[in-house]
Amino acid sequence: MPHTHTHSKAEAIHDALEVFEEEHHHAPTAHEKARLVSDAIKEWEHEEVEAMHATDKVA
C-alpha cells in the first residue's frame, strides 16, 4: 500500500486499487477489493491524524 498522503479518501482508494492491479496483473475480486478499501481508508485516516498532530506541534 502506498504511503503517500492523498487529498481524499476516494483518491487513496483509487490509488490502492491501481497499485493492486499493477502488482497482480488483474482486477481485485470482491473480497480483495473490500480489504483494499478498508486498508486504504485506515491508512488515510492514520495519515490525517499524523498530519493534524504535526500541525498542532508547529503552531
N, C-alpha and C. Protein backbone atom coordinates (compact mmCIF):
# COMPACT_ATOMS: atom_id res chain seq x y z
N MET A 1 0.84 -1.17 0.00
CA MET A 1 0.00 0.00 0.00
C MET A 1 0.88 1.23 0.00
N PRO A 2 0.61 2.18 -0.91
CA PRO A 2 1.42 3.39 -0.95
C PRO A 2 1.26 4.23 0.30
N HIS A 3 2.36 4.90 0.69
CA HIS A 3 2.31 5.72 1.88
C HIS A 3 2.39 7.21 1.56
N THR A 4 2.01 7.58 0.35
CA THR A 4 1.97 9.00 0.03
C THR A 4 0.58 9.49 0.36
N HIS A 5 0.52 10.55 1.12
CA HIS A 5 -0.78 11.03 1.57
C HIS A 5 -1.52 11.71 0.43
N THR A 6 -2.75 11.29 0.24
CA THR A 6 -3.60 11.87 -0.81
C THR A 6 -4.57 12.86 -0.18
N HIS A 7 -5.23 13.62 -1.02
CA HIS A 7 -6.12 14.67 -0.54
C HIS A 7 -7.47 14.15 -0.05
N SER A 8 -7.86 12.99 -0.52
CA SER A 8 -9.18 12.48 -0.13
C SER A 8 -9.15 10.97 0.03
N LYS A 9 -10.15 10.46 0.73
CA LYS A 9 -10.27 9.01 0.88
C LYS A 9 -10.48 8.36 -0.48
N ALA A 10 -11.30 8.99 -1.31
CA ALA A 10 -11.59 8.43 -2.63
C ALA A 10 -10.30 8.28 -3.45
N GLU A 11 -9.43 9.28 -3.39
CA GLU A 11 -8.17 9.22 -4.11
C GLU A 11 -7.28 8.11 -3.55
N ALA A 12 -7.27 7.95 -2.23
CA ALA A 12 -6.48 6.88 -1.61
C ALA A 12 -6.98 5.51 -2.05
N ILE A 13 -8.29 5.34 -2.11
CA ILE A 13 -8.88 4.07 -2.54
C ILE A 13 -8.53 3.81 -4.00
N HIS A 14 -8.68 4.82 -4.83
CA HIS A 14 -8.36 4.68 -6.25
C HIS A 14 -6.90 4.27 -6.43
N ASP A 15 -6.00 4.94 -5.71
CA ASP A 15 -4.57 4.61 -5.80
C ASP A 15 -4.30 3.17 -5.36
N ALA A 16 -4.94 2.74 -4.27
CA ALA A 16 -4.74 1.38 -3.77
C ALA A 16 -5.20 0.35 -4.80
N LEU A 17 -6.32 0.60 -5.45
CA LEU A 17 -6.81 -0.33 -6.47
C LEU A 17 -5.87 -0.37 -7.67
N GLU A 18 -5.37 0.79 -8.08
CA GLU A 18 -4.44 0.84 -9.20
C GLU A 18 -3.15 0.07 -8.89
N VAL A 19 -2.62 0.29 -7.70
CA VAL A 19 -1.39 -0.40 -7.30
C VAL A 19 -1.61 -1.92 -7.29
N PHE A 20 -2.75 -2.35 -6.76
CA PHE A 20 -3.06 -3.79 -6.75
C PHE A 20 -3.05 -4.35 -8.16
N GLU A 21 -3.75 -3.66 -9.08
CA GLU A 21 -3.84 -4.16 -10.45
C GLU A 21 -2.47 -4.21 -11.12
N GLU A 22 -1.63 -3.20 -10.85
CA GLU A 22 -0.28 -3.19 -11.43
C GLU A 22 0.56 -4.34 -10.87
N GLU A 23 0.45 -4.59 -9.58
CA GLU A 23 1.28 -5.62 -8.94
C GLU A 23 0.80 -7.04 -9.26
N HIS A 24 -0.52 -7.23 -9.36
CA HIS A 24 -1.08 -8.57 -9.52
C HIS A 24 -1.56 -8.88 -10.95
N HIS A 25 -1.55 -7.88 -11.81
CA HIS A 25 -1.93 -8.04 -13.21
C HIS A 25 -3.36 -8.53 -13.40
N HIS A 26 -4.22 -8.18 -12.46
CA HIS A 26 -5.65 -8.46 -12.61
C HIS A 26 -6.43 -7.56 -11.66
N ALA A 27 -7.69 -7.36 -11.97
CA ALA A 27 -8.55 -6.57 -11.08
C ALA A 27 -8.83 -7.38 -9.82
N PRO A 28 -8.97 -6.69 -8.69
CA PRO A 28 -9.22 -7.43 -7.45
C PRO A 28 -10.61 -8.08 -7.45
N THR A 29 -10.70 -9.23 -6.77
CA THR A 29 -12.00 -9.86 -6.57
C THR A 29 -12.78 -8.99 -5.58
N ALA A 30 -14.03 -9.31 -5.36
CA ALA A 30 -14.85 -8.55 -4.42
C ALA A 30 -14.23 -8.58 -3.02
N HIS A 31 -13.73 -9.73 -2.60
CA HIS A 31 -13.12 -9.85 -1.28
C HIS A 31 -11.84 -9.02 -1.19
N GLU A 32 -11.00 -9.11 -2.22
CA GLU A 32 -9.76 -8.32 -2.24
C GLU A 32 -10.06 -6.83 -2.26
N LYS A 33 -11.06 -6.45 -3.03
CA LYS A 33 -11.42 -5.04 -3.13
C LYS A 33 -11.91 -4.52 -1.78
N ALA A 34 -12.71 -5.29 -1.08
CA ALA A 34 -13.20 -4.87 0.24
C ALA A 34 -12.04 -4.66 1.20
N ARG A 35 -11.08 -5.58 1.18
CA ARG A 35 -9.90 -5.44 2.04
C ARG A 35 -9.07 -4.23 1.66
N LEU A 36 -8.88 -4.01 0.35
CA LEU A 36 -8.12 -2.86 -0.11
C LEU A 36 -8.77 -1.54 0.29
N VAL A 37 -10.08 -1.46 0.14
CA VAL A 37 -10.81 -0.25 0.50
C VAL A 37 -10.67 0.02 2.01
N SER A 38 -10.88 -1.03 2.79
CA SER A 38 -10.76 -0.89 4.24
C SER A 38 -9.36 -0.45 4.65
N ASP A 39 -8.35 -1.11 4.10
CA ASP A 39 -6.96 -0.78 4.44
C ASP A 39 -6.60 0.63 3.98
N ALA A 40 -7.06 1.03 2.80
CA ALA A 40 -6.75 2.37 2.29
C ALA A 40 -7.38 3.43 3.18
N ILE A 41 -8.61 3.21 3.63
CA ILE A 41 -9.27 4.18 4.50
C ILE A 41 -8.55 4.27 5.83
N LYS A 42 -8.20 3.12 6.41
CA LYS A 42 -7.47 3.14 7.69
C LYS A 42 -6.15 3.89 7.56
N GLU A 43 -5.40 3.62 6.51
CA GLU A 43 -4.11 4.27 6.30
C GLU A 43 -4.30 5.78 6.09
N TRP A 44 -5.28 6.15 5.28
CA TRP A 44 -5.54 7.57 5.01
C TRP A 44 -5.91 8.29 6.30
N GLU A 45 -6.79 7.69 7.10
CA GLU A 45 -7.20 8.33 8.36
C GLU A 45 -6.03 8.44 9.32
N HIS A 46 -5.17 7.42 9.36
CA HIS A 46 -3.98 7.46 10.22
C HIS A 46 -3.06 8.62 9.79
N GLU A 47 -2.87 8.76 8.49
CA GLU A 47 -2.03 9.85 7.98
C GLU A 47 -2.66 11.21 8.26
N GLU A 48 -3.97 11.30 8.20
CA GLU A 48 -4.67 12.56 8.52
C GLU A 48 -4.41 12.95 9.97
N VAL A 49 -4.50 11.99 10.88
CA VAL A 49 -4.27 12.26 12.30
C VAL A 49 -2.81 12.70 12.50
N GLU A 50 -1.87 12.00 11.86
CA GLU A 50 -0.46 12.38 11.98
C GLU A 50 -0.24 13.80 11.47
N ALA A 51 -0.87 14.15 10.36
CA ALA A 51 -0.72 15.50 9.80
C ALA A 51 -1.30 16.54 10.75
N MET A 52 -2.44 16.25 11.36
CA MET A 52 -3.04 17.19 12.32
C MET A 52 -2.12 17.37 13.52
N HIS A 53 -1.54 16.30 14.04
CA HIS A 53 -0.64 16.39 15.18
C HIS A 53 0.62 17.18 14.83
N ALA A 54 1.13 16.98 13.63
CA ALA A 54 2.31 17.71 13.20
C ALA A 54 2.00 19.21 13.09
N THR A 55 0.81 19.55 12.63
CA THR A 55 0.39 20.94 12.52
C THR A 55 0.22 21.55 13.90
N ASP A 56 -0.34 20.77 14.83
CA ASP A 56 -0.53 21.26 16.21
C ASP A 56 0.80 21.54 16.88
N LYS A 57 1.81 20.72 16.62
CA LYS A 57 3.13 20.90 17.24
C LYS A 57 3.83 22.14 16.71
N VAL A 58 3.60 22.47 15.44
CA VAL A 58 4.23 23.63 14.81
C VAL A 58 3.59 24.91 15.34
N ALA A 59 2.31 24.87 15.59
CA ALA A 59 1.58 26.08 15.99
C ALA A 59 1.86 26.52 17.40
